[in-house]
Each structure stands twice: as C-alpha cells, then as structure tokens.
Amino acid sequence: MRAGDECSLTVVCVSYKRPREVHVLINSFLCQTSQDFILHMIHDGPDEEVETIFESYEQEVGGRFRHTMTPERHNDHGHSLREIGIETARTPYILITNDDNYYAPVMVEICLRVLDSGSDGVLFNMIHNYFGYQTLDVEPKTNHADIGCVMVRTEHARRVGWRDKSFAGDGTYIEDLTALPNFMWTKIPMTLFVHN
C-alpha cells in the first residue's frame, strides 16, 4: 500500500455539519478491500465539532486522511468545495462524494482495476434513498447519476472543472466529461454506493 500522494485515488468528500453521518462515510472507506486512496474531507465553513472528528481520524489514519475547513461557508450545494478538491488532488484518479453517503467495501478495488485497464471513467449503480432505497441503474447524463457513483481520471476532472454551481451541477460535470473528445466510460454493473 502506498501512502499520501503516492496513492492512486483521491476521494473528495464535501461536508456540512453532519457529525453523526460522517463516521459512516469515513468508515465505509476505512473498510475498503483496497486502501489505495486518500480521503480528503472538505467542510463548508468552520465547525468545531466536525473539525474535532476529522482531526481524530487524521491522527488515527495518518497520511491517507486529510481535511480542510473553509474559512467561511460557500452555501452552493458543495460545488465550490468540489472545485477545491479537484484542484488539490495529486493522484491519477478522483471520486467526489458527500458526507452522508457510503460505499460497498469492494468499490475502490473494482473501480481502480477498471481504470487501470484504460478506461477514462467508471460509473456504478447506486441505491437511492429518495426513491425508497431502490437501485438506480445509472447513465452518464443529468438526472441519471449522482456524482458519488462516478470515478474518473483526475486530468479529465481538471479539464472540465466544476462550472455549474446550481443544484444540477453534478449532472453538468458528468455531461462535460462525456463531451470530452474520445472520453470512454465503463459501466460497472454492480450496486456499490448508497446515496442518502
């Protein structure tokens, strides 16, 4: 296992005042069968309780966990925080998610294997609580996927950036990736993500 920026994947997780839920997300990554990632938690504005939680994980996990507390709240659905995460990632691949989600323990291993074989990005199915915890068969377009079920090469994430700060920003990001010349998605036909 590599440490710090020598890992393959940066998981950018935007967060806002969810001290209870954030433990579930973090532990879903600490239980992954592949630990070849850095988990970067970015909180929207200062919060002492959440910062204390993040600092305890940082001490426990070391270089594979880091956190950022923005000086003030952006209040834009986490999109400015996603921009920060994309700009600061130094790994070949990136996954962007939220602090109330969680993942199957094989997600990182499976996705990295597919990306290492040459794909530009992977998508995987998710269980969505907005639909009564039913499985959503994702597609790379607006209203058919959540940002949390998409892992891509960091160079492509930087190329498209995060230009849409509206509620639909996730979909715009996915469609911007799809529009890149010769961009190749691979759909993993497994449910690896629970969206809350």
N, C-alpha and C. Protein backbone atom coordinates (compact mmCIF):
# COMPACT_ATOMS: atom_id res chain seq x y z
N MET A 1 0.84 -1.18 0.00
CA MET A 1 0.00 0.00 0.00
C MET A 1 0.88 1.24 0.00
N ARG A 2 0.53 2.19 -0.84
CA ARG A 2 1.27 3.43 -0.90
C ARG A 2 0.65 4.44 0.07
N ALA A 3 1.37 5.46 0.43
CA ALA A 3 0.86 6.45 1.38
C ALA A 3 0.76 7.82 0.72
N GLY A 4 -0.12 8.64 1.28
CA GLY A 4 -0.23 10.03 0.85
C GLY A 4 -0.49 10.17 -0.62
N ASP A 5 0.23 11.14 -1.24
CA ASP A 5 0.00 11.46 -2.65
C ASP A 5 0.51 10.37 -3.60
N GLU A 6 1.12 9.30 -3.08
CA GLU A 6 1.55 8.20 -3.93
C GLU A 6 0.41 7.23 -4.20
N CYS A 7 -0.75 7.47 -3.60
CA CYS A 7 -1.92 6.61 -3.83
C CYS A 7 -2.46 6.82 -5.23
N SER A 8 -3.36 5.93 -5.64
CA SER A 8 -3.97 6.03 -6.96
C SER A 8 -5.18 6.95 -6.99
N LEU A 9 -5.89 7.06 -5.87
CA LEU A 9 -7.20 7.71 -5.85
C LEU A 9 -7.29 8.77 -4.77
N THR A 10 -7.87 9.92 -5.13
CA THR A 10 -8.29 10.89 -4.13
C THR A 10 -9.81 10.85 -4.06
N VAL A 11 -10.34 10.63 -2.86
CA VAL A 11 -11.77 10.72 -2.61
C VAL A 11 -12.00 12.10 -2.01
N VAL A 12 -12.71 12.95 -2.73
CA VAL A 12 -13.05 14.28 -2.25
C VAL A 12 -14.46 14.20 -1.69
N CYS A 13 -14.59 14.44 -0.40
CA CYS A 13 -15.90 14.37 0.24
C CYS A 13 -16.27 15.73 0.81
N VAL A 14 -17.32 16.35 0.25
CA VAL A 14 -17.78 17.63 0.78
C VAL A 14 -18.68 17.36 1.99
N SER A 15 -18.61 18.27 2.95
CA SER A 15 -19.24 18.03 4.24
C SER A 15 -19.84 19.32 4.78
N TYR A 16 -20.95 19.17 5.50
CA TYR A 16 -21.51 20.33 6.20
C TYR A 16 -22.32 19.86 7.40
N LYS A 17 -21.76 20.03 8.58
CA LYS A 17 -22.43 19.84 9.86
C LYS A 17 -23.21 18.54 9.98
N ARG A 18 -22.54 17.42 9.68
CA ARG A 18 -23.15 16.11 9.87
C ARG A 18 -22.22 15.26 10.74
N PRO A 19 -22.06 15.60 12.00
CA PRO A 19 -21.10 14.87 12.84
C PRO A 19 -21.45 13.41 13.03
N ARG A 20 -22.72 13.04 12.96
CA ARG A 20 -23.09 11.64 13.14
C ARG A 20 -22.87 10.86 11.85
N GLU A 21 -23.37 11.39 10.74
CA GLU A 21 -23.32 10.68 9.46
C GLU A 21 -21.90 10.52 8.93
N VAL A 22 -21.03 11.48 9.23
CA VAL A 22 -19.70 11.46 8.63
C VAL A 22 -18.90 10.22 9.06
N HIS A 23 -19.18 9.69 10.23
CA HIS A 23 -18.49 8.47 10.67
C HIS A 23 -18.80 7.29 9.74
N VAL A 24 -20.05 7.21 9.28
CA VAL A 24 -20.44 6.10 8.41
C VAL A 24 -19.67 6.19 7.08
N LEU A 25 -19.64 7.38 6.50
CA LEU A 25 -18.90 7.57 5.25
C LEU A 25 -17.43 7.23 5.44
N ILE A 26 -16.81 7.80 6.44
CA ILE A 26 -15.37 7.58 6.64
C ILE A 26 -15.08 6.10 6.85
N ASN A 27 -15.86 5.45 7.68
CA ASN A 27 -15.61 4.04 7.95
C ASN A 27 -15.91 3.14 6.75
N SER A 28 -16.81 3.58 5.86
CA SER A 28 -17.02 2.78 4.65
C SER A 28 -15.77 2.79 3.78
N PHE A 29 -14.93 3.82 3.89
CA PHE A 29 -13.65 3.84 3.18
C PHE A 29 -12.57 3.10 3.96
N LEU A 30 -12.57 3.23 5.26
CA LEU A 30 -11.56 2.51 6.04
C LEU A 30 -11.75 1.01 5.96
N CYS A 31 -12.93 0.56 5.56
CA CYS A 31 -13.22 -0.88 5.42
C CYS A 31 -13.05 -1.37 3.98
N GLN A 32 -12.55 -0.55 3.08
CA GLN A 32 -12.38 -0.96 1.70
C GLN A 32 -11.32 -2.05 1.59
N THR A 33 -11.52 -2.97 0.66
CA THR A 33 -10.55 -4.03 0.43
C THR A 33 -9.26 -3.49 -0.19
N SER A 34 -9.33 -2.35 -0.86
CA SER A 34 -8.14 -1.65 -1.33
C SER A 34 -8.04 -0.34 -0.56
N GLN A 35 -6.91 -0.10 0.05
CA GLN A 35 -6.68 1.15 0.78
C GLN A 35 -5.80 2.11 -0.04
N ASP A 36 -5.84 1.97 -1.36
CA ASP A 36 -5.01 2.75 -2.27
C ASP A 36 -5.67 4.11 -2.57
N PHE A 37 -5.93 4.89 -1.53
CA PHE A 37 -6.62 6.17 -1.69
C PHE A 37 -6.25 7.13 -0.58
N ILE A 38 -6.53 8.40 -0.84
CA ILE A 38 -6.50 9.46 0.16
C ILE A 38 -7.94 9.94 0.29
N LEU A 39 -8.44 10.05 1.50
CA LEU A 39 -9.77 10.61 1.74
C LEU A 39 -9.59 12.05 2.19
N HIS A 40 -10.05 12.98 1.37
CA HIS A 40 -9.94 14.41 1.66
C HIS A 40 -11.33 14.95 1.98
N MET A 41 -11.58 15.20 3.26
CA MET A 41 -12.85 15.77 3.71
C MET A 41 -12.74 17.29 3.65
N ILE A 42 -13.72 17.94 3.01
CA ILE A 42 -13.71 19.40 2.91
C ILE A 42 -15.03 19.91 3.49
N HIS A 43 -14.94 20.64 4.59
CA HIS A 43 -16.13 21.12 5.28
C HIS A 43 -16.44 22.55 4.86
N ASP A 44 -17.72 22.82 4.64
CA ASP A 44 -18.18 24.13 4.16
C ASP A 44 -18.28 25.10 5.34
N GLY A 45 -17.17 25.75 5.65
CA GLY A 45 -17.12 26.70 6.76
C GLY A 45 -16.65 26.05 8.03
N PRO A 46 -16.35 26.86 9.04
CA PRO A 46 -15.84 26.32 10.30
C PRO A 46 -16.91 25.62 11.13
N ASP A 47 -16.51 24.55 11.82
CA ASP A 47 -17.39 23.84 12.75
C ASP A 47 -16.49 23.06 13.71
N GLU A 48 -16.47 23.44 14.96
CA GLU A 48 -15.54 22.83 15.92
C GLU A 48 -15.80 21.35 16.14
N GLU A 49 -17.07 20.96 16.22
CA GLU A 49 -17.39 19.55 16.48
C GLU A 49 -16.90 18.66 15.34
N VAL A 50 -17.19 19.07 14.12
CA VAL A 50 -16.77 18.28 12.96
C VAL A 50 -15.25 18.30 12.82
N GLU A 51 -14.63 19.44 13.07
CA GLU A 51 -13.17 19.51 12.97
C GLU A 51 -12.50 18.58 13.97
N THR A 52 -13.05 18.47 15.17
CA THR A 52 -12.51 17.54 16.16
C THR A 52 -12.58 16.10 15.67
N ILE A 53 -13.71 15.75 15.03
CA ILE A 53 -13.87 14.40 14.46
C ILE A 53 -12.81 14.17 13.37
N PHE A 54 -12.67 15.14 12.48
CA PHE A 54 -11.69 15.00 11.39
C PHE A 54 -10.27 14.87 11.94
N GLU A 55 -9.94 15.66 12.93
CA GLU A 55 -8.59 15.60 13.49
C GLU A 55 -8.32 14.24 14.14
N SER A 56 -9.34 13.64 14.75
CA SER A 56 -9.12 12.32 15.36
C SER A 56 -8.87 11.26 14.29
N TYR A 57 -9.59 11.33 13.17
CA TYR A 57 -9.32 10.39 12.07
C TYR A 57 -7.95 10.65 11.46
N GLU A 58 -7.58 11.90 11.33
CA GLU A 58 -6.28 12.23 10.76
C GLU A 58 -5.16 11.63 11.61
N GLN A 59 -5.30 11.69 12.93
CA GLN A 59 -4.30 11.10 13.82
C GLN A 59 -4.30 9.58 13.72
N GLU A 60 -5.49 8.99 13.62
CA GLU A 60 -5.62 7.53 13.58
C GLU A 60 -5.11 6.94 12.27
N VAL A 61 -5.46 7.57 11.16
CA VAL A 61 -5.20 7.00 9.83
C VAL A 61 -3.91 7.52 9.23
N GLY A 62 -3.49 8.70 9.61
CA GLY A 62 -2.25 9.25 9.07
C GLY A 62 -2.43 9.86 7.69
N GLY A 63 -1.47 9.61 6.80
CA GLY A 63 -1.42 10.27 5.50
C GLY A 63 -2.55 9.96 4.54
N ARG A 64 -3.34 8.95 4.82
CA ARG A 64 -4.45 8.63 3.91
C ARG A 64 -5.72 9.43 4.22
N PHE A 65 -5.68 10.26 5.25
CA PHE A 65 -6.84 11.08 5.61
C PHE A 65 -6.37 12.51 5.80
N ARG A 66 -7.08 13.44 5.18
CA ARG A 66 -6.80 14.85 5.41
C ARG A 66 -8.11 15.62 5.39
N HIS A 67 -8.06 16.80 5.96
CA HIS A 67 -9.28 17.61 5.96
C HIS A 67 -8.96 19.08 5.74
N THR A 68 -9.95 19.77 5.23
CA THR A 68 -9.90 21.21 5.02
C THR A 68 -11.20 21.79 5.56
N MET A 69 -11.09 22.87 6.33
CA MET A 69 -12.26 23.62 6.78
C MET A 69 -12.17 24.97 6.07
N THR A 70 -13.13 25.30 5.21
CA THR A 70 -13.05 26.60 4.54
C THR A 70 -13.29 27.71 5.57
N PRO A 71 -12.67 28.88 5.37
CA PRO A 71 -12.80 29.95 6.35
C PRO A 71 -14.24 30.46 6.51
N GLU A 72 -15.00 30.37 5.43
CA GLU A 72 -16.40 30.79 5.50
C GLU A 72 -17.24 29.85 4.65
N ARG A 73 -18.54 29.89 4.87
CA ARG A 73 -19.44 28.98 4.17
C ARG A 73 -19.74 29.49 2.75
N HIS A 74 -19.66 28.59 1.78
CA HIS A 74 -19.99 28.93 0.40
C HIS A 74 -21.49 28.77 0.14
N ASN A 75 -22.10 27.77 0.76
CA ASN A 75 -23.54 27.52 0.64
C ASN A 75 -23.99 27.41 -0.82
N ASP A 76 -23.27 26.61 -1.60
CA ASP A 76 -23.61 26.43 -3.02
C ASP A 76 -23.67 24.95 -3.39
N HIS A 77 -24.34 24.18 -2.55
CA HIS A 77 -24.52 22.74 -2.76
C HIS A 77 -23.20 21.97 -2.69
N GLY A 78 -22.15 22.57 -2.16
CA GLY A 78 -20.85 21.92 -2.06
C GLY A 78 -20.00 22.05 -3.30
N HIS A 79 -20.47 22.79 -4.30
CA HIS A 79 -19.75 22.85 -5.57
C HIS A 79 -18.40 23.57 -5.47
N SER A 80 -18.31 24.65 -4.70
CA SER A 80 -17.01 25.32 -4.53
C SER A 80 -16.01 24.40 -3.84
N LEU A 81 -16.50 23.56 -2.92
CA LEU A 81 -15.64 22.61 -2.24
C LEU A 81 -15.15 21.54 -3.21
N ARG A 82 -16.01 21.14 -4.15
CA ARG A 82 -15.61 20.16 -5.17
C ARG A 82 -14.49 20.74 -6.03
N GLU A 83 -14.60 22.03 -6.36
CA GLU A 83 -13.54 22.70 -7.12
C GLU A 83 -12.22 22.64 -6.36
N ILE A 84 -12.25 22.92 -5.07
CA ILE A 84 -11.05 22.85 -4.24
C ILE A 84 -10.46 21.44 -4.30
N GLY A 85 -11.32 20.44 -4.16
CA GLY A 85 -10.87 19.05 -4.18
C GLY A 85 -10.23 18.66 -5.49
N ILE A 86 -10.82 19.08 -6.60
CA ILE A 86 -10.26 18.77 -7.92
C ILE A 86 -8.90 19.45 -8.09
N GLU A 87 -8.81 20.71 -7.68
CA GLU A 87 -7.56 21.46 -7.85
C GLU A 87 -6.43 20.91 -7.00
N THR A 88 -6.74 20.38 -5.83
CA THR A 88 -5.67 19.93 -4.92
C THR A 88 -5.33 18.45 -5.06
N ALA A 89 -6.13 17.68 -5.77
CA ALA A 89 -5.86 16.24 -5.94
C ALA A 89 -4.56 16.03 -6.70
N ARG A 90 -3.73 15.11 -6.22
CA ARG A 90 -2.44 14.81 -6.86
C ARG A 90 -2.31 13.34 -7.20
N THR A 91 -3.43 12.66 -7.34
CA THR A 91 -3.44 11.24 -7.67
C THR A 91 -3.98 11.06 -9.08
N PRO A 92 -3.76 9.91 -9.69
CA PRO A 92 -4.25 9.70 -11.06
C PRO A 92 -5.78 9.73 -11.19
N TYR A 93 -6.50 9.31 -10.14
CA TYR A 93 -7.95 9.19 -10.22
C TYR A 93 -8.63 9.96 -9.10
N ILE A 94 -9.90 10.31 -9.33
CA ILE A 94 -10.66 11.09 -8.34
C ILE A 94 -12.11 10.61 -8.28
N LEU A 95 -12.65 10.59 -7.08
CA LEU A 95 -14.06 10.32 -6.82
C LEU A 95 -14.56 11.45 -5.94
N ILE A 96 -15.71 12.02 -6.26
CA ILE A 96 -16.29 13.11 -5.48
C ILE A 96 -17.59 12.62 -4.87
N THR A 97 -17.76 12.86 -3.57
CA THR A 97 -18.95 12.37 -2.88
C THR A 97 -19.37 13.34 -1.79
N ASN A 98 -20.40 12.95 -1.04
CA ASN A 98 -20.93 13.76 0.06
C ASN A 98 -20.83 12.98 1.37
N ASP A 99 -20.92 13.70 2.47
CA ASP A 99 -20.65 13.11 3.78
C ASP A 99 -21.74 12.21 4.34
N ASP A 100 -22.87 12.13 3.69
CA ASP A 100 -23.94 11.26 4.20
C ASP A 100 -24.10 9.99 3.37
N ASN A 101 -23.16 9.74 2.45
CA ASN A 101 -23.20 8.56 1.60
C ASN A 101 -22.32 7.46 2.18
N TYR A 102 -22.41 6.27 1.60
CA TYR A 102 -21.46 5.21 1.95
C TYR A 102 -21.36 4.20 0.83
N TYR A 103 -20.30 3.36 0.90
CA TYR A 103 -19.89 2.52 -0.23
C TYR A 103 -19.71 1.07 0.18
N ALA A 104 -19.93 0.17 -0.79
CA ALA A 104 -19.64 -1.26 -0.61
C ALA A 104 -18.12 -1.40 -0.44
N PRO A 105 -17.68 -2.36 0.37
CA PRO A 105 -16.25 -2.46 0.68
C PRO A 105 -15.34 -2.83 -0.49
N VAL A 106 -15.90 -3.25 -1.62
CA VAL A 106 -15.07 -3.60 -2.78
C VAL A 106 -15.04 -2.50 -3.83
N MET A 107 -15.69 -1.36 -3.58
CA MET A 107 -15.82 -0.32 -4.59
C MET A 107 -14.47 0.18 -5.10
N VAL A 108 -13.58 0.58 -4.20
CA VAL A 108 -12.29 1.13 -4.63
C VAL A 108 -11.52 0.09 -5.45
N GLU A 109 -11.44 -1.12 -4.96
CA GLU A 109 -10.69 -2.18 -5.65
C GLU A 109 -11.21 -2.40 -7.07
N ILE A 110 -12.51 -2.55 -7.21
CA ILE A 110 -13.10 -2.83 -8.52
C ILE A 110 -12.90 -1.65 -9.47
N CYS A 111 -13.18 -0.44 -9.01
CA CYS A 111 -13.07 0.73 -9.89
C CYS A 111 -11.64 0.98 -10.32
N LEU A 112 -10.68 0.84 -9.40
CA LEU A 112 -9.29 1.06 -9.79
C LEU A 112 -8.82 0.03 -10.80
N ARG A 113 -9.29 -1.20 -10.65
CA ARG A 113 -8.91 -2.24 -11.62
C ARG A 113 -9.39 -1.87 -13.03
N VAL A 114 -10.62 -1.36 -13.12
CA VAL A 114 -11.17 -0.98 -14.43
C VAL A 114 -10.44 0.24 -14.98
N LEU A 115 -10.20 1.24 -14.14
CA LEU A 115 -9.50 2.43 -14.62
C LEU A 115 -8.06 2.11 -15.03
N ASP A 116 -7.39 1.26 -14.28
CA ASP A 116 -6.02 0.87 -14.64
C ASP A 116 -5.96 0.13 -15.97
N SER A 117 -7.09 -0.44 -16.39
CA SER A 117 -7.10 -1.17 -17.67
C SER A 117 -7.31 -0.23 -18.86
N GLY A 118 -7.46 1.09 -18.60
CA GLY A 118 -7.51 2.03 -19.72
C GLY A 118 -8.74 2.90 -19.82
N SER A 119 -9.75 2.68 -19.03
CA SER A 119 -10.96 3.50 -19.10
C SER A 119 -10.68 4.91 -18.58
N ASP A 120 -11.41 5.90 -19.11
CA ASP A 120 -11.28 7.27 -18.64
C ASP A 120 -12.11 7.51 -17.39
N GLY A 121 -13.23 6.79 -17.29
CA GLY A 121 -14.11 6.95 -16.14
C GLY A 121 -14.99 5.73 -15.97
N VAL A 122 -15.40 5.51 -14.73
CA VAL A 122 -16.32 4.41 -14.45
C VAL A 122 -17.55 4.95 -13.75
N LEU A 123 -18.67 4.27 -14.01
CA LEU A 123 -19.92 4.52 -13.30
C LEU A 123 -20.37 3.20 -12.71
N PHE A 124 -21.09 3.29 -11.59
CA PHE A 124 -21.64 2.08 -10.99
C PHE A 124 -23.00 2.42 -10.41
N ASN A 125 -23.84 1.41 -10.30
CA ASN A 125 -25.20 1.63 -9.82
C ASN A 125 -25.21 2.02 -8.35
N MET A 126 -26.35 2.58 -7.95
CA MET A 126 -26.47 3.04 -6.57
C MET A 126 -27.86 2.76 -6.03
N ILE A 127 -27.93 2.69 -4.73
CA ILE A 127 -29.21 2.65 -4.03
C ILE A 127 -29.49 4.08 -3.60
N HIS A 128 -30.69 4.56 -3.90
CA HIS A 128 -31.03 5.96 -3.67
C HIS A 128 -32.17 6.05 -2.67
N ASN A 129 -31.93 6.72 -1.54
CA ASN A 129 -32.99 6.77 -0.52
C ASN A 129 -34.16 7.64 -0.94
N TYR A 130 -33.94 8.57 -1.88
CA TYR A 130 -35.05 9.41 -2.33
C TYR A 130 -36.13 8.58 -3.03
N PHE A 131 -35.75 7.41 -3.50
CA PHE A 131 -36.69 6.53 -4.20
C PHE A 131 -36.99 5.29 -3.37
N GLY A 132 -37.01 5.44 -2.04
CA GLY A 132 -37.36 4.32 -1.17
C GLY A 132 -36.30 3.24 -1.14
N TYR A 133 -35.04 3.64 -1.23
CA TYR A 133 -33.91 2.70 -1.22
C TYR A 133 -34.01 1.67 -2.33
N GLN A 134 -34.38 2.13 -3.50
CA GLN A 134 -34.39 1.27 -4.68
C GLN A 134 -33.08 1.48 -5.45
N THR A 135 -32.69 0.48 -6.21
CA THR A 135 -31.48 0.58 -7.02
C THR A 135 -31.74 1.44 -8.24
N LEU A 136 -30.83 2.36 -8.49
CA LEU A 136 -30.89 3.21 -9.68
C LEU A 136 -29.83 2.73 -10.66
N ASP A 137 -30.25 2.37 -11.85
CA ASP A 137 -29.36 1.95 -12.92
C ASP A 137 -28.83 3.22 -13.60
N VAL A 138 -27.60 3.60 -13.29
CA VAL A 138 -27.10 4.91 -13.68
C VAL A 138 -26.68 4.97 -15.15
N GLU A 139 -26.72 6.18 -15.68
CA GLU A 139 -26.25 6.51 -17.02
C GLU A 139 -25.49 7.82 -16.92
N PRO A 140 -24.53 8.08 -17.82
CA PRO A 140 -23.73 9.31 -17.71
C PRO A 140 -24.43 10.54 -18.27
N LYS A 141 -25.53 10.94 -17.63
CA LYS A 141 -26.24 12.15 -18.04
C LYS A 141 -27.04 12.70 -16.85
N THR A 142 -27.45 13.94 -16.97
CA THR A 142 -28.18 14.63 -15.91
C THR A 142 -29.43 13.85 -15.53
N ASN A 143 -29.69 13.80 -14.23
CA ASN A 143 -30.84 13.10 -13.63
C ASN A 143 -30.78 11.59 -13.76
N HIS A 144 -29.64 11.04 -14.15
CA HIS A 144 -29.48 9.59 -14.26
C HIS A 144 -28.26 9.06 -13.51
N ALA A 145 -27.60 9.96 -12.76
CA ALA A 145 -26.43 9.55 -11.97
C ALA A 145 -26.18 10.61 -10.91
N ASP A 146 -25.53 10.21 -9.86
CA ASP A 146 -25.09 11.13 -8.82
C ASP A 146 -23.57 11.18 -8.89
N ILE A 147 -23.01 12.29 -8.48
CA ILE A 147 -21.56 12.43 -8.53
C ILE A 147 -20.85 11.32 -7.77
N GLY A 148 -21.48 10.78 -6.74
CA GLY A 148 -20.87 9.76 -5.92
C GLY A 148 -20.69 8.41 -6.57
N CYS A 149 -21.28 8.20 -7.74
CA CYS A 149 -21.12 6.90 -8.43
C CYS A 149 -20.27 7.05 -9.69
N VAL A 150 -19.36 8.04 -9.68
CA VAL A 150 -18.52 8.33 -10.83
C VAL A 150 -17.07 8.49 -10.37
N MET A 151 -16.17 7.69 -10.92
CA MET A 151 -14.74 7.83 -10.66
C MET A 151 -14.06 8.04 -12.00
N VAL A 152 -13.18 9.07 -12.08
CA VAL A 152 -12.56 9.41 -13.36
C VAL A 152 -11.08 9.71 -13.17
N ARG A 153 -10.39 9.82 -14.30
CA ARG A 153 -9.00 10.27 -14.27
C ARG A 153 -8.99 11.74 -13.85
N THR A 154 -8.10 12.07 -12.93
CA THR A 154 -8.05 13.43 -12.38
C THR A 154 -7.77 14.46 -13.48
N GLU A 155 -6.96 14.10 -14.45
CA GLU A 155 -6.66 15.04 -15.54
C GLU A 155 -7.94 15.46 -16.26
N HIS A 156 -8.90 14.55 -16.42
CA HIS A 156 -10.17 14.90 -17.08
C HIS A 156 -11.03 15.76 -16.17
N ALA A 157 -11.04 15.46 -14.87
CA ALA A 157 -11.80 16.29 -13.93
C ALA A 157 -11.27 17.72 -13.95
N ARG A 158 -9.97 17.89 -14.01
CA ARG A 158 -9.39 19.23 -14.08
C ARG A 158 -9.74 19.91 -15.39
N ARG A 159 -9.75 19.14 -16.45
CA ARG A 159 -10.03 19.72 -17.76
C ARG A 159 -11.44 20.32 -17.82
N VAL A 160 -12.41 19.62 -17.24
CA VAL A 160 -13.79 20.16 -17.30
C VAL A 160 -14.10 21.09 -16.13
N GLY A 161 -13.39 20.93 -15.01
CA GLY A 161 -13.64 21.78 -13.86
C GLY A 161 -15.04 21.58 -13.29
N TRP A 162 -15.47 22.55 -12.51
CA TRP A 162 -16.82 22.49 -11.94
C TRP A 162 -17.48 23.83 -12.21
N ARG A 163 -18.03 23.97 -13.42
CA ARG A 163 -18.51 25.27 -13.88
C ARG A 163 -19.93 25.60 -13.44
N ASP A 164 -20.72 24.59 -13.08
CA ASP A 164 -22.13 24.80 -12.76
C ASP A 164 -22.32 24.74 -11.24
N LYS A 165 -22.67 25.87 -10.64
CA LYS A 165 -22.86 25.93 -9.19
C LYS A 165 -24.34 25.77 -8.80
N SER A 166 -25.18 25.40 -9.75
CA SER A 166 -26.60 25.21 -9.45
C SER A 166 -26.84 23.81 -8.87
N PHE A 167 -28.07 23.53 -8.49
CA PHE A 167 -28.43 22.22 -7.96
C PHE A 167 -28.08 21.10 -8.94
N ALA A 168 -28.11 21.41 -10.23
CA ALA A 168 -27.84 20.41 -11.28
C ALA A 168 -26.36 20.25 -11.60
N GLY A 169 -25.47 20.82 -10.77
CA GLY A 169 -24.04 20.80 -11.06
C GLY A 169 -23.44 19.42 -11.24
N ASP A 170 -23.93 18.42 -10.49
CA ASP A 170 -23.44 17.05 -10.65
C ASP A 170 -23.64 16.58 -12.09
N GLY A 171 -24.84 16.77 -12.58
CA GLY A 171 -25.17 16.32 -13.94
C GLY A 171 -24.35 17.05 -14.99
N THR A 172 -24.15 18.36 -14.80
CA THR A 172 -23.35 19.14 -15.74
C THR A 172 -21.92 18.61 -15.80
N TYR A 173 -21.35 18.32 -14.63
CA TYR A 173 -19.98 17.78 -14.57
C TYR A 173 -19.89 16.46 -15.33
N ILE A 174 -20.84 15.57 -15.12
CA ILE A 174 -20.85 14.28 -15.80
C ILE A 174 -21.00 14.45 -17.31
N GLU A 175 -21.90 15.33 -17.72
CA GLU A 175 -22.08 15.57 -19.16
C GLU A 175 -20.86 16.25 -19.78
N ASP A 176 -20.20 17.14 -19.03
CA ASP A 176 -18.97 17.77 -19.54
C ASP A 176 -17.87 16.73 -19.74
N LEU A 177 -17.77 15.78 -18.82
CA LEU A 177 -16.80 14.69 -19.01
C LEU A 177 -17.13 13.89 -20.26
N THR A 178 -18.39 13.54 -20.42
CA THR A 178 -18.84 12.75 -21.57
C THR A 178 -18.52 13.45 -22.88
N ALA A 179 -18.58 14.80 -22.87
CA ALA A 179 -18.35 15.58 -24.09
C ALA A 179 -16.88 15.72 -24.46
N LEU A 180 -15.97 15.32 -23.57
CA LEU A 180 -14.55 15.40 -23.91
C LEU A 180 -14.24 14.49 -25.11
N PRO A 181 -13.37 14.93 -26.01
CA PRO A 181 -13.03 14.10 -27.17
C PRO A 181 -12.48 12.73 -26.74
N ASN A 182 -13.04 11.69 -27.28
CA ASN A 182 -12.59 10.31 -27.07
C ASN A 182 -12.73 9.82 -25.63
N PHE A 183 -13.53 10.50 -24.81
CA PHE A 183 -13.72 10.06 -23.43
C PHE A 183 -14.47 8.73 -23.43
N MET A 184 -13.96 7.76 -22.66
CA MET A 184 -14.57 6.43 -22.63
C MET A 184 -15.03 6.08 -21.22
N TRP A 185 -16.35 5.93 -21.05
CA TRP A 185 -16.92 5.46 -19.79
C TRP A 185 -16.95 3.94 -19.79
N THR A 186 -16.79 3.35 -18.63
CA THR A 186 -17.06 1.93 -18.43
C THR A 186 -18.11 1.82 -17.35
N LYS A 187 -19.20 1.14 -17.67
CA LYS A 187 -20.26 0.92 -16.68
C LYS A 187 -19.98 -0.38 -15.94
N ILE A 188 -19.85 -0.30 -14.64
CA ILE A 188 -19.69 -1.49 -13.80
C ILE A 188 -21.09 -1.91 -13.36
N PRO A 189 -21.55 -3.07 -13.77
CA PRO A 189 -22.95 -3.47 -13.49
C PRO A 189 -23.15 -4.01 -12.08
N MET A 190 -22.72 -3.20 -11.12
CA MET A 190 -22.84 -3.58 -9.71
C MET A 190 -23.35 -2.37 -8.92
N THR A 191 -24.05 -2.62 -7.84
CA THR A 191 -24.50 -1.56 -6.95
C THR A 191 -23.46 -1.43 -5.84
N LEU A 192 -22.71 -0.31 -5.87
CA LEU A 192 -21.56 -0.14 -4.98
C LEU A 192 -21.69 1.07 -4.06
N PHE A 193 -22.84 1.76 -4.09
CA PHE A 193 -22.95 3.07 -3.47
C PHE A 193 -24.35 3.26 -2.93
N VAL A 194 -24.46 3.80 -1.71
CA VAL A 194 -25.76 4.18 -1.16
C VAL A 194 -25.79 5.69 -0.99
N HIS A 195 -26.75 6.31 -1.67
CA HIS A 195 -26.93 7.75 -1.63
C HIS A 195 -28.03 8.10 -0.63
N ASN A 196 -27.71 8.92 0.33
CA ASN A 196 -28.71 9.37 1.31
C ASN A 196 -29.09 10.82 1.12
